[in-house]
Amino acid sequence: MYLIPFIGRILRFPQEYRYRHCILDYVINRSKQCKLDYVTVESVNWASRTFIASKDYINLTLKLTLIDLTILKNELEGNITPSLHWSRRFEYPFIYYRCISNSRKKLVILDAGAGLNPLQILLALSGHFIVSLDNDVRVLIRLSKILKDNSKLKIFPCLADVFQLPFKENFFDCVICISVIEHILDYLNPKFDLRLSYAILKTWLCELARVTKPGGRICVTLDIDLSKRRHLTLDEVAMLGKLIKHDIPPMPADIIVSNRIAFGKLFAPQKTVIAIIMRKEGESCI
């Protein structure tokens, strides 16, 4: 009886492996077809010694979990904190280590669609200035109450929409947007009209690029669903690559596909996470 889940996982392993490589092959092939010279695609065996020391990963995850429980006092999702959600295990450490932790100075960072995530707290504790932007006033009220009890945190709540950012051009050193756009597409485009998806993705990317300083970084993550029931489809991912090359000011970009196998059963069937790092042309400000 106890062997049934174990046997099931063994039988599922080749299927999950094919799903992930299907995504990689698709993105690489579409990038070649569109001649996306600015886009490179890589696979990250996340939380492995080949990418990041496991000790650092564990320490960072522990900090984020403690922030969830003690400062944000987030409710548990099932039996885990939000920072241990299957996609967040990839997204938070990835953005921290690949985009921000090696900065030579304190950054002005926009967290677009922030919600109540522990990463913004951790970045503020590290001395960075954070604009926490969300269109849900209830979330910002909760954040404001938290900041009253933690007055040293340089976090500034902002009620706004990611399609109309209330900031001047070239304002932020770094812009992050964690698992936001797929939910917007779910809401605005439930029938998966690719023309509408294109307009939504272009407006979103152009706004993020507009408020980023020359030499700054835009770091976005998104969930991919091969079943095409919800979240971004592979065709919409290909659109993002085309937009980066042709329809917004060209920006060198890396597309990173997370390793579903590293997370085992935490990943929902047929889903994975893609991260995109774009660097706005100019002398680096990070």
C-alpha atoms as a PDB file:
ATOM      1  CA  MET A   1       0.000   0.000   0.000  1.00  0.00           C
ATOM      2  CA  TYR A   2       2.774   2.441   0.920  1.00  0.00           C
ATOM      3  CA  LEU A   3       4.574   1.684  -2.347  1.00  0.00           C
ATOM      4  CA  ILE A   4       1.728   2.930  -4.546  1.00  0.00           C
ATOM      5  CA  PRO A   5       2.632   6.696  -4.381  1.00  0.00           C
ATOM      6  CA  PHE A   6       6.310   5.852  -4.881  1.00  0.00           C
ATOM      7  CA  ILE A   7       5.602   3.653  -7.918  1.00  0.00           C
ATOM      8  CA  GLY A   8       3.266   6.314  -9.310  1.00  0.00           C
ATOM      9  CA  ARG A   9       5.997   8.924  -9.066  1.00  0.00           C
ATOM     10  CA  ILE A  10       8.481   6.670 -10.856  1.00  0.00           C
ATOM     11  CA  LEU A  11       5.983   6.112 -13.680  1.00  0.00           C
ATOM     12  CA  ARG A  12       5.303   9.862 -13.886  1.00  0.00           C
ATOM     13  CA  PHE A  13       8.991  10.873 -14.063  1.00  0.00           C
ATOM     14  CA  PRO A  14       9.517  10.276 -17.831  1.00  0.00           C
ATOM     15  CA  GLN A  15       6.267  12.132 -18.583  1.00  0.00           C
ATOM     16  CA  GLU A  16       7.314  15.183 -16.528  1.00  0.00           C
ATOM     17  CA  TYR A  17      10.739  15.119 -18.159  1.00  0.00           C
ATOM     18  CA  ARG A  18       9.115  15.217 -21.620  1.00  0.00           C
ATOM     19  CA  TYR A  19       6.819  18.104 -20.593  1.00  0.00           C
ATOM     20  CA  ARG A  20       9.738  20.256 -19.543  1.00  0.00           C
ATOM     21  CA  HIS A  21      11.813  19.533 -22.614  1.00  0.00           C
ATOM     22  CA  CYS A  22       8.775  20.150 -24.807  1.00  0.00           C
ATOM     23  CA  ILE A  23       8.712  23.703 -23.415  1.00  0.00           C
ATOM     24  CA  LEU A  24      12.447  24.180 -23.923  1.00  0.00           C
ATOM     25  CA  ASP A  25      12.384  22.843 -27.486  1.00  0.00           C
ATOM     26  CA  TYR A  26       9.358  24.955 -28.354  1.00  0.00           C
ATOM     27  CA  VAL A  27      10.847  28.209 -27.061  1.00  0.00           C
ATOM     28  CA  ILE A  28      14.209  27.539 -28.717  1.00  0.00           C
ATOM     29  CA  ASN A  29      12.660  26.615 -32.070  1.00  0.00           C
ATOM     30  CA  ARG A  30      10.287  29.598 -32.119  1.00  0.00           C
ATOM     31  CA  SER A  31      13.172  31.900 -31.173  1.00  0.00           C
ATOM     32  CA  LYS A  32      15.172  30.604 -34.133  1.00  0.00           C
ATOM     33  CA  GLN A  33      12.207  30.975 -36.490  1.00  0.00           C
ATOM     34  CA  CYS A  34      11.741  34.607 -35.424  1.00  0.00           C
ATOM     35  CA  LYS A  35      15.524  35.211 -35.534  1.00  0.00           C
ATOM     36  CA  LEU A  36      15.526  36.466 -31.954  1.00  0.00           C
ATOM     37  CA  ASP A  37      19.200  37.318 -31.662  1.00  0.00           C
ATOM     38  CA  TYR A  38      18.618  39.072 -28.349  1.00  0.00           C
ATOM     39  CA  VAL A  39      17.038  36.054 -26.661  1.00  0.00           C
ATOM     40  CA  THR A  40      18.966  33.170 -25.139  1.00  0.00           C
ATOM     41  CA  VAL A  41      17.250  30.151 -23.655  1.00  0.00           C
ATOM     42  CA  GLU A  42      18.657  28.008 -20.908  1.00  0.00           C
ATOM     43  CA  SER A  43      17.447  25.344 -18.527  1.00  0.00           C
ATOM     44  CA  VAL A  44      18.110  25.813 -14.827  1.00  0.00           C
ATOM     45  CA  ASN A  45      18.484  22.766 -12.626  1.00  0.00           C
ATOM     46  CA  TRP A  46      17.294  24.838  -9.717  1.00  0.00           C
ATOM     47  CA  ALA A  47      18.581  24.304  -6.171  1.00  0.00           C
ATOM     48  CA  SER A  48      21.422  22.160  -7.451  1.00  0.00           C
ATOM     49  CA  ARG A  49      25.145  22.625  -6.927  1.00  0.00           C
ATOM     50  CA  THR A  50      25.551  23.490 -10.591  1.00  0.00           C
ATOM     51  CA  PHE A  51      23.606  26.715 -10.138  1.00  0.00           C
ATOM     52  CA  ILE A  52      23.583  27.815  -6.517  1.00  0.00           C
ATOM     53  CA  ALA A  53      25.002  26.393  -3.309  1.00  0.00           C
ATOM     54  CA  SER A  54      22.285  24.452  -1.530  1.00  0.00           C
ATOM     55  CA  LYS A  55      23.222  26.118   1.776  1.00  0.00           C
ATOM     56  CA  ASP A  56      22.508  29.593   0.361  1.00  0.00           C
ATOM     57  CA  TYR A  57      19.226  28.423  -1.117  1.00  0.00           C
ATOM     58  CA  ILE A  58      18.109  26.899   2.191  1.00  0.00           C
ATOM     59  CA  ASN A  59      19.116  29.995   4.179  1.00  0.00           C
ATOM     60  CA  LEU A  60      17.240  32.309   1.834  1.00  0.00           C
ATOM     61  CA  THR A  61      14.141  30.109   1.841  1.00  0.00           C
ATOM     62  CA  LEU A  62      14.252  30.033   5.653  1.00  0.00           C
ATOM     63  CA  LYS A  63      14.434  33.855   5.808  1.00  0.00           C
ATOM     64  CA  LEU A  64      11.481  34.204   3.451  1.00  0.00           C
ATOM     65  CA  THR A  65       9.457  31.687   5.458  1.00  0.00           C
ATOM     66  CA  LEU A  66      10.184  33.517   8.718  1.00  0.00           C
ATOM     67  CA  ILE A  67       9.117  36.812   7.126  1.00  0.00           C
ATOM     68  CA  ASP A  68       5.899  35.153   5.994  1.00  0.00           C
ATOM     69  CA  LEU A  69       5.138  33.924   9.502  1.00  0.00           C
ATOM     70  CA  THR A  70       6.391  36.769  11.710  1.00  0.00           C
ATOM     71  CA  ILE A  71       6.137  40.042   9.762  1.00  0.00           C
ATOM     72  CA  LEU A  72       3.498  39.436   7.107  1.00  0.00           C
ATOM     73  CA  LYS A  73       1.611  36.831   9.164  1.00  0.00           C
ATOM     74  CA  ASN A  74       0.328  35.315   5.948  1.00  0.00           C
ATOM     75  CA  GLU A  75      -2.195  32.536   6.186  1.00  0.00           C
ATOM     76  CA  LEU A  76      -0.986  29.061   5.358  1.00  0.00           C
ATOM     77  CA  GLU A  77      -1.863  27.688   1.932  1.00  0.00           C
ATOM     78  CA  GLY A  78      -2.569  24.089   2.826  1.00  0.00           C
ATOM     79  CA  ASN A  79       0.185  23.326   5.322  1.00  0.00           C
ATOM     80  CA  ILE A  80       2.865  25.623   3.894  1.00  0.00           C
ATOM     81  CA  THR A  81       3.580  29.339   3.820  1.00  0.00           C
ATOM     82  CA  PRO A  82       3.148  31.223   0.526  1.00  0.00           C
ATOM     83  CA  SER A  83       6.941  31.420   0.141  1.00  0.00           C
ATOM     84  CA  LEU A  84       7.036  27.606  -0.070  1.00  0.00           C
ATOM     85  CA  HIS A  85       4.394  27.461  -2.802  1.00  0.00           C
ATOM     86  CA  TRP A  86       5.654  25.352  -5.722  1.00  0.00           C
ATOM     87  CA  SER A  87       6.389  28.259  -8.060  1.00  0.00           C
ATOM     88  CA  ARG A  88       7.659  30.644  -5.361  1.00  0.00           C
ATOM     89  CA  ARG A  89      10.423  28.187  -4.449  1.00  0.00           C
ATOM     90  CA  PHE A  90      11.870  28.971  -7.851  1.00  0.00           C
ATOM     91  CA  GLU A  91      10.838  32.581  -8.328  1.00  0.00           C
ATOM     92  CA  TYR A  92      11.924  34.336  -5.125  1.00  0.00           C
ATOM     93  CA  PRO A  93      15.446  32.863  -4.874  1.00  0.00           C
ATOM     94  CA  PHE A  94      15.949  33.168  -8.616  1.00  0.00           C
ATOM     95  CA  ILE A  95      15.154  36.889  -8.716  1.00  0.00           C
ATOM     96  CA  TYR A  96      17.171  37.530  -5.567  1.00  0.00           C
ATOM     97  CA  TYR A  97      20.348  35.790  -6.743  1.00  0.00           C
ATOM     98  CA  ARG A  98      20.243  36.478 -10.475  1.00  0.00           C
ATOM     99  CA  CYS A  99      18.992  40.064 -10.453  1.00  0.00           C
ATOM    100  CA  ILE A 100      19.658  41.841  -7.158  1.00  0.00           C
ATOM    101  CA  SER A 101      22.024  40.212  -4.638  1.00  0.00           C
ATOM    102  CA  ASN A 102      25.212  41.123  -6.559  1.00  0.00           C
ATOM    103  CA  SER A 103      24.313  44.820  -6.790  1.00  0.00           C
ATOM    104  CA  ARG A 104      27.064  47.279  -5.944  1.00  0.00           C
ATOM    105  CA  LYS A 105      24.633  49.816  -4.458  1.00  0.00           C
ATOM    106  CA  LYS A 106      21.225  50.209  -2.874  1.00  0.00           C
ATOM    107  CA  LEU A 107      18.590  50.018  -5.587  1.00  0.00           C
ATOM    108  CA  VAL A 108      15.256  51.668  -6.254  1.00  0.00           C
ATOM    109  CA  ILE A 109      13.036  48.694  -7.131  1.00  0.00           C
ATOM    110  CA  LEU A 110       9.490  48.482  -8.436  1.00  0.00           C
ATOM    111  CA  ASP A 111       7.610  45.339  -7.427  1.00  0.00           C
ATOM    112  CA  ALA A 112       4.707  45.430  -9.903  1.00  0.00           C
ATOM    113  CA  GLY A 113       1.723  43.431  -8.694  1.00  0.00           C
ATOM    114  CA  ALA A 114       3.497  42.807  -5.409  1.00  0.00           C
ATOM    115  CA  GLY A 115       0.704  41.614  -3.154  1.00  0.00           C
ATOM    116  CA  LEU A 116       2.042  40.676   0.284  1.00  0.00           C
ATOM    117  CA  ASN A 117       5.148  38.798  -0.760  1.00  0.00           C
ATOM    118  CA  PRO A 118       8.123  38.268   1.586  1.00  0.00           C
ATOM    119  CA  LEU A 119      10.717  39.097  -1.065  1.00  0.00           C
ATOM    120  CA  GLN A 120       9.945  42.835  -0.925  1.00  0.00           C
ATOM    121  CA  ILE A 121      10.421  42.735   2.868  1.00  0.00           C
ATOM    122  CA  LEU A 122      13.755  40.931   2.502  1.00  0.00           C
ATOM    123  CA  LEU A 123      14.957  43.443  -0.090  1.00  0.00           C
ATOM    124  CA  ALA A 124      13.940  46.353   2.158  1.00  0.00           C
ATOM    125  CA  LEU A 125      15.779  44.743   5.093  1.00  0.00           C
ATOM    126  CA  SER A 126      18.851  44.673   2.816  1.00  0.00           C
ATOM    127  CA  GLY A 127      18.604  48.449   2.412  1.00  0.00           C
ATOM    128  CA  HIS A 128      16.901  48.741  -0.980  1.00  0.00           C
ATOM    129  CA  PHE A 129      14.037  51.171  -1.656  1.00  0.00           C
ATOM    130  CA  ILE A 130      10.902  49.289  -2.714  1.00  0.00           C
ATOM    131  CA  VAL A 131       7.763  50.598  -4.390  1.00  0.00           C
ATOM    132  CA  SER A 132       5.096  47.963  -3.720  1.00  0.00           C
ATOM    133  CA  LEU A 133       2.520  48.413  -6.470  1.00  0.00           C
ATOM    134  CA  ASP A 134      -0.831  46.637  -6.479  1.00  0.00           C
ATOM    135  CA  ASN A 135      -4.358  47.366  -7.726  1.00  0.00           C
ATOM    136  CA  ASP A 136      -6.025  45.809  -4.652  1.00  0.00           C
ATOM    137  CA  VAL A 137      -6.549  48.467  -2.001  1.00  0.00           C
ATOM    138  CA  ARG A 138      -7.118  45.807   0.684  1.00  0.00           C
ATOM    139  CA  VAL A 139      -3.627  44.431   0.142  1.00  0.00           C
ATOM    140  CA  LEU A 140      -2.095  47.903   0.430  1.00  0.00           C
ATOM    141  CA  ILE A 141      -4.047  48.646   3.623  1.00  0.00           C
ATOM    142  CA  ARG A 142      -2.645  45.462   5.170  1.00  0.00           C
ATOM    143  CA  LEU A 143       0.840  46.397   4.011  1.00  0.00           C
ATOM    144  CA  SER A 144       0.506  49.900   5.477  1.00  0.00           C
ATOM    145  CA  LYS A 145      -0.422  48.423   8.869  1.00  0.00           C
ATOM    146  CA  ILE A 146       2.611  46.134   8.706  1.00  0.00           C
ATOM    147  CA  LEU A 147       4.876  49.076   7.862  1.00  0.00           C
ATOM    148  CA  LYS A 148       3.609  51.013  10.905  1.00  0.00           C
ATOM    149  CA  ASP A 149       5.024  48.261  13.080  1.00  0.00           C
ATOM    150  CA  ASN A 150       8.231  48.097  11.004  1.00  0.00           C
ATOM    151  CA  SER A 151       8.956  51.751  10.326  1.00  0.00           C
ATOM    152  CA  LYS A 152      12.580  51.176   9.247  1.00  0.00           C
ATOM    153  CA  LEU A 153      11.485  49.313   6.133  1.00  0.00           C
ATOM    154  CA  LYS A 154      11.790  51.556   3.058  1.00  0.00           C
ATOM    155  CA  ILE A 155       8.683  50.239   1.323  1.00  0.00           C
ATOM    156  CA  PHE A 156       6.239  52.629  -0.320  1.00  0.00           C
ATOM    157  CA  PRO A 157       2.740  51.249  -1.116  1.00  0.00           C
ATOM    158  CA  CYS A 158       1.287  52.401  -4.421  1.00  0.00           C
ATOM    159  CA  LEU A 159      -2.243  51.833  -5.719  1.00  0.00           C
ATOM    160  CA  ALA A 160      -1.997  51.569  -9.506  1.00  0.00           C
ATOM    161  CA  ASP A 161      -2.338  49.348 -12.542  1.00  0.00           C
ATOM    162  CA  VAL A 162       0.596  47.645 -14.293  1.00  0.00           C
ATOM    163  CA  PHE A 163      -0.675  49.003 -17.625  1.00  0.00           C
ATOM    164  CA  GLN A 164      -0.525  52.643 -16.466  1.00  0.00           C
ATOM    165  CA  LEU A 165       2.386  53.077 -14.095  1.00  0.00           C
ATOM    166  CA  PRO A 166       2.312  56.486 -12.366  1.00  0.00           C
ATOM    167  CA  PHE A 167       6.054  57.097 -12.690  1.00  0.00           C
ATOM    168  CA  LYS A 168       8.223  59.107 -15.023  1.00  0.00           C
ATOM    169  CA  GLU A 169      10.512  57.453 -17.564  1.00  0.00           C
ATOM    170  CA  ASN A 170      13.823  55.912 -16.455  1.00  0.00           C
ATOM    171  CA  PHE A 171      12.889  55.948 -12.763  1.00  0.00           C
ATOM    172  CA  PHE A 172      13.763  52.491 -11.384  1.00  0.00           C
ATOM    173  CA  ASP A 173      17.044  50.580 -11.250  1.00  0.00           C
ATOM    174  CA  CYS A 174      15.171  47.299 -11.332  1.00  0.00           C
ATOM    175  CA  VAL A 175      11.577  46.243 -12.025  1.00  0.00           C
ATOM    176  CA  ILE A 176      10.281  42.859 -10.898  1.00  0.00           C
ATOM    177  CA  CYS A 177       6.931  41.309 -11.736  1.00  0.00           C
ATOM    178  CA  ILE A 178       6.353  37.881 -10.176  1.00  0.00           C
ATOM    179  CA  SER A 179       3.582  35.656 -11.558  1.00  0.00           C
ATOM    180  CA  VAL A 180       1.297  38.557 -12.438  1.00  0.00           C
ATOM    181  CA  ILE A 181       0.724  38.640 -16.183  1.00  0.00           C
ATOM    182  CA  GLU A 182      -0.752  35.136 -16.447  1.00  0.00           C
ATOM    183  CA  HIS A 183      -3.512  36.065 -13.984  1.00  0.00           C
ATOM    184  CA  ILE A 184      -4.230  39.276 -15.899  1.00  0.00           C
ATOM    185  CA  LEU A 185      -4.532  37.285 -19.108  1.00  0.00           C
ATOM    186  CA  ASP A 186      -6.833  34.786 -17.375  1.00  0.00           C
ATOM    187  CA  TYR A 187      -9.088  37.649 -16.356  1.00  0.00           C
ATOM    188  CA  LEU A 188      -8.978  39.827 -19.482  1.00  0.00           C
ATOM    189  CA  ASN A 189      -8.693  37.110 -22.114  1.00  0.00           C
ATOM    190  CA  PRO A 190     -10.441  33.911 -20.964  1.00  0.00           C
ATOM    191  CA  LYS A 191     -10.971  32.735 -24.574  1.00  0.00           C
ATOM    192  CA  PHE A 192      -7.237  32.847 -25.428  1.00  0.00           C
ATOM    193  CA  ASP A 193      -7.639  35.298 -28.310  1.00  0.00           C
ATOM    194  CA  LEU A 194      -4.025  35.649 -29.453  1.00  0.00           C
ATOM    195  CA  ARG A 195      -4.554  39.150 -30.863  1.00  0.00           C
ATOM    196  CA  LEU A 196      -5.832  40.334 -27.497  1.00  0.00           C
ATOM    197  CA  SER A 197      -2.995  38.519 -25.719  1.00  0.00           C
ATOM    198  CA  TYR A 198      -0.524  40.323 -27.981  1.00  0.00           C
ATOM    199  CA  ALA A 199      -1.984  43.736 -27.131  1.00  0.00           C
ATOM    200  CA  ILE A 200      -1.977  42.967 -23.391  1.00  0.00           C
ATOM    201  CA  LEU A 201       1.601  41.649 -23.373  1.00  0.00           C
ATOM    202  CA  LYS A 202       2.892  44.584 -25.453  1.00  0.00           C
ATOM    203  CA  THR A 203       1.281  47.206 -23.209  1.00  0.00           C
ATOM    204  CA  TRP A 204       2.609  45.461 -20.106  1.00  0.00           C
ATOM    205  CA  LEU A 205       6.188  45.112 -21.358  1.00  0.00           C
ATOM    206  CA  CYS A 206       6.333  48.636 -22.755  1.00  0.00           C
ATOM    207  CA  GLU A 207       5.255  50.101 -19.413  1.00  0.00           C
ATOM    208  CA  LEU A 208       7.836  48.082 -17.493  1.00  0.00           C
ATOM    209  CA  ALA A 209      10.537  49.156 -19.969  1.00  0.00           C
ATOM    210  CA  ARG A 210       9.461  52.804 -19.880  1.00  0.00           C
ATOM    211  CA  VAL A 211      10.027  53.232 -16.137  1.00  0.00           C
ATOM    212  CA  THR A 212      13.326  51.303 -16.080  1.00  0.00           C
ATOM    213  CA  LYS A 213      16.591  53.236 -16.158  1.00  0.00           C
ATOM    214  CA  PRO A 214      19.089  52.648 -18.987  1.00  0.00           C
ATOM    215  CA  GLY A 215      21.290  49.784 -17.836  1.00  0.00           C
ATOM    216  CA  GLY A 216      18.574  48.572 -15.470  1.00  0.00           C
ATOM    217  CA  ARG A 217      16.921  45.167 -15.356  1.00  0.00           C
ATOM    218  CA  ILE A 218      13.393  43.927 -15.811  1.00  0.00           C
ATOM    219  CA  CYS A 219      12.799  40.557 -14.169  1.00  0.00           C
ATOM    220  CA  VAL A 220       9.501  38.795 -14.775  1.00  0.00           C
ATOM    221  CA  THR A 221       8.298  35.288 -14.019  1.00  0.00           C
ATOM    222  CA  LEU A 222       5.244  33.471 -15.281  1.00  0.00           C
ATOM    223  CA  ASP A 223       3.563  30.098 -15.014  1.00  0.00           C
ATOM    224  CA  ILE A 224       3.202  27.953 -18.128  1.00  0.00           C
ATOM    225  CA  ASP A 225       0.404  25.441 -18.571  1.00  0.00           C
ATOM    226  CA  LEU A 226       0.773  22.901 -21.379  1.00  0.00           C
ATOM    227  CA  SER A 227      -2.857  21.856 -21.027  1.00  0.00           C
ATOM    228  CA  LYS A 228      -3.876  25.371 -22.204  1.00  0.00           C
ATOM    229  CA  ARG A 229      -6.675  25.502 -19.654  1.00  0.00           C
ATOM    230  CA  ARG A 230      -5.326  28.584 -17.898  1.00  0.00           C
ATOM    231  CA  HIS A 231      -2.161  30.671 -17.439  1.00  0.00           C
ATOM    232  CA  LEU A 232       0.091  31.413 -20.395  1.00  0.00           C
ATOM    233  CA  THR A 233       0.163  29.102 -23.386  1.00  0.00           C
ATOM    234  CA  LEU A 234       3.289  28.283 -25.365  1.00  0.00           C
ATOM    235  CA  ASP A 235       2.089  30.517 -28.207  1.00  0.00           C
ATOM    236  CA  GLU A 236       1.878  33.441 -25.769  1.00  0.00           C
ATOM    237  CA  VAL A 237       5.405  32.679 -24.549  1.00  0.00           C
ATOM    238  CA  ALA A 238       6.600  32.853 -28.153  1.00  0.00           C
ATOM    239  CA  MET A 239       4.825  36.212 -28.441  1.00  0.00           C
ATOM    240  CA  LEU A 240       6.859  37.532 -25.533  1.00  0.00           C
ATOM    241  CA  GLY A 241      10.083  36.676 -27.327  1.00  0.00           C
ATOM    242  CA  LYS A 242       8.856  38.390 -30.491  1.00  0.00           C
ATOM    243  CA  LEU A 243       7.855  41.483 -28.523  1.00  0.00           C
ATOM    244  CA  ILE A 244      11.269  41.712 -26.878  1.00  0.00           C
ATOM    245  CA  LYS A 245      12.946  41.614 -30.287  1.00  0.00           C
ATOM    246  CA  HIS A 246      10.661  43.632 -32.542  1.00  0.00           C
ATOM    247  CA  ASP A 247       7.911  45.611 -30.848  1.00  0.00           C
ATOM    248  CA  ILE A 248       9.549  47.303 -27.895  1.00  0.00           C
ATOM    249  CA  PRO A 249      13.022  48.882 -27.757  1.00  0.00           C
ATOM    250  CA  PRO A 250      15.346  45.855 -28.244  1.00  0.00           C
ATOM    251  CA  MET A 251      16.690  44.552 -24.945  1.00  0.00           C
ATOM    252  CA  PRO A 252      19.058  41.601 -24.477  1.00  0.00           C
ATOM    253  CA  ALA A 253      17.069  38.922 -22.661  1.00  0.00           C
ATOM    254  CA  ASP A 254      17.543  35.551 -21.051  1.00  0.00           C
ATOM    255  CA  ILE A 255      14.657  33.079 -20.895  1.00  0.00           C
ATOM    256  CA  ILE A 256      15.101  30.511 -18.144  1.00  0.00           C
ATOM    257  CA  VAL A 257      12.911  27.449 -17.803  1.00  0.00           C
ATOM    258  CA  SER A 258      12.780  26.030 -14.281  1.00  0.00           C
ATOM    259  CA  ASN A 259      13.403  22.362 -13.657  1.00  0.00           C
ATOM    260  CA  ARG A 260      10.116  20.765 -12.616  1.00  0.00           C
ATOM    261  CA  ILE A 261      11.873  17.562 -11.589  1.00  0.00           C
ATOM    262  CA  ALA A 262      13.757  19.386  -8.812  1.00  0.00           C
ATOM    263  CA  PHE A 263      10.441  20.070  -7.101  1.00  0.00           C
ATOM    264  CA  GLY A 264       8.854  16.648  -7.605  1.00  0.00           C
ATOM    265  CA  LYS A 265       5.218  16.410  -6.644  1.00  0.00           C
ATOM    266  CA  LEU A 266       4.981  20.100  -5.646  1.00  0.00           C
ATOM    267  CA  PHE A 267       4.571  21.000  -9.304  1.00  0.00           C
ATOM    268  CA  ALA A 268       1.060  20.758 -10.641  1.00  0.00           C
ATOM    269  CA  PRO A 269       0.697  18.421 -13.655  1.00  0.00           C
ATOM    270  CA  GLN A 270       1.813  19.933 -16.963  1.00  0.00           C
ATOM    271  CA  LYS A 271       3.024  23.184 -15.393  1.00  0.00           C
ATOM    272  CA  THR A 272       6.347  24.900 -15.021  1.00  0.00           C
ATOM    273  CA  VAL A 273       7.790  28.389 -14.473  1.00  0.00           C
ATOM    274  CA  ILE A 274       9.633  30.584 -16.951  1.00  0.00           C
ATOM    275  CA  ALA A 275      11.715  33.576 -15.893  1.00  0.00           C
ATOM    276  CA  ILE A 276      12.744  36.360 -18.268  1.00  0.00           C
ATOM    277  CA  ILE A 277      15.520  38.831 -17.483  1.00  0.00           C
ATOM    278  CA  MET A 278      15.762  41.870 -19.760  1.00  0.00           C
ATOM    279  CA  ARG A 279      18.548  44.440 -19.624  1.00  0.00           C
ATOM    280  CA  LYS A 280      17.735  47.929 -20.873  1.00  0.00           C
ATOM    281  CA  GLU A 281      20.483  49.320 -23.060  1.00  0.00           C
ATOM    282  CA  GLY A 282      22.901  51.684 -21.358  1.00  0.00           C
ATOM    283  CA  GLU A 283      25.629  51.622 -18.740  1.00  0.00           C
ATOM    284  CA  SER A 284      24.694  49.257 -15.932  1.00  0.00           C
ATOM    285  CA  CYS A 285      23.082  50.954 -12.940  1.00  0.00           C
ATOM    286  CA  ILE A 286      23.015  47.799 -10.807  1.00  0.00           C
END
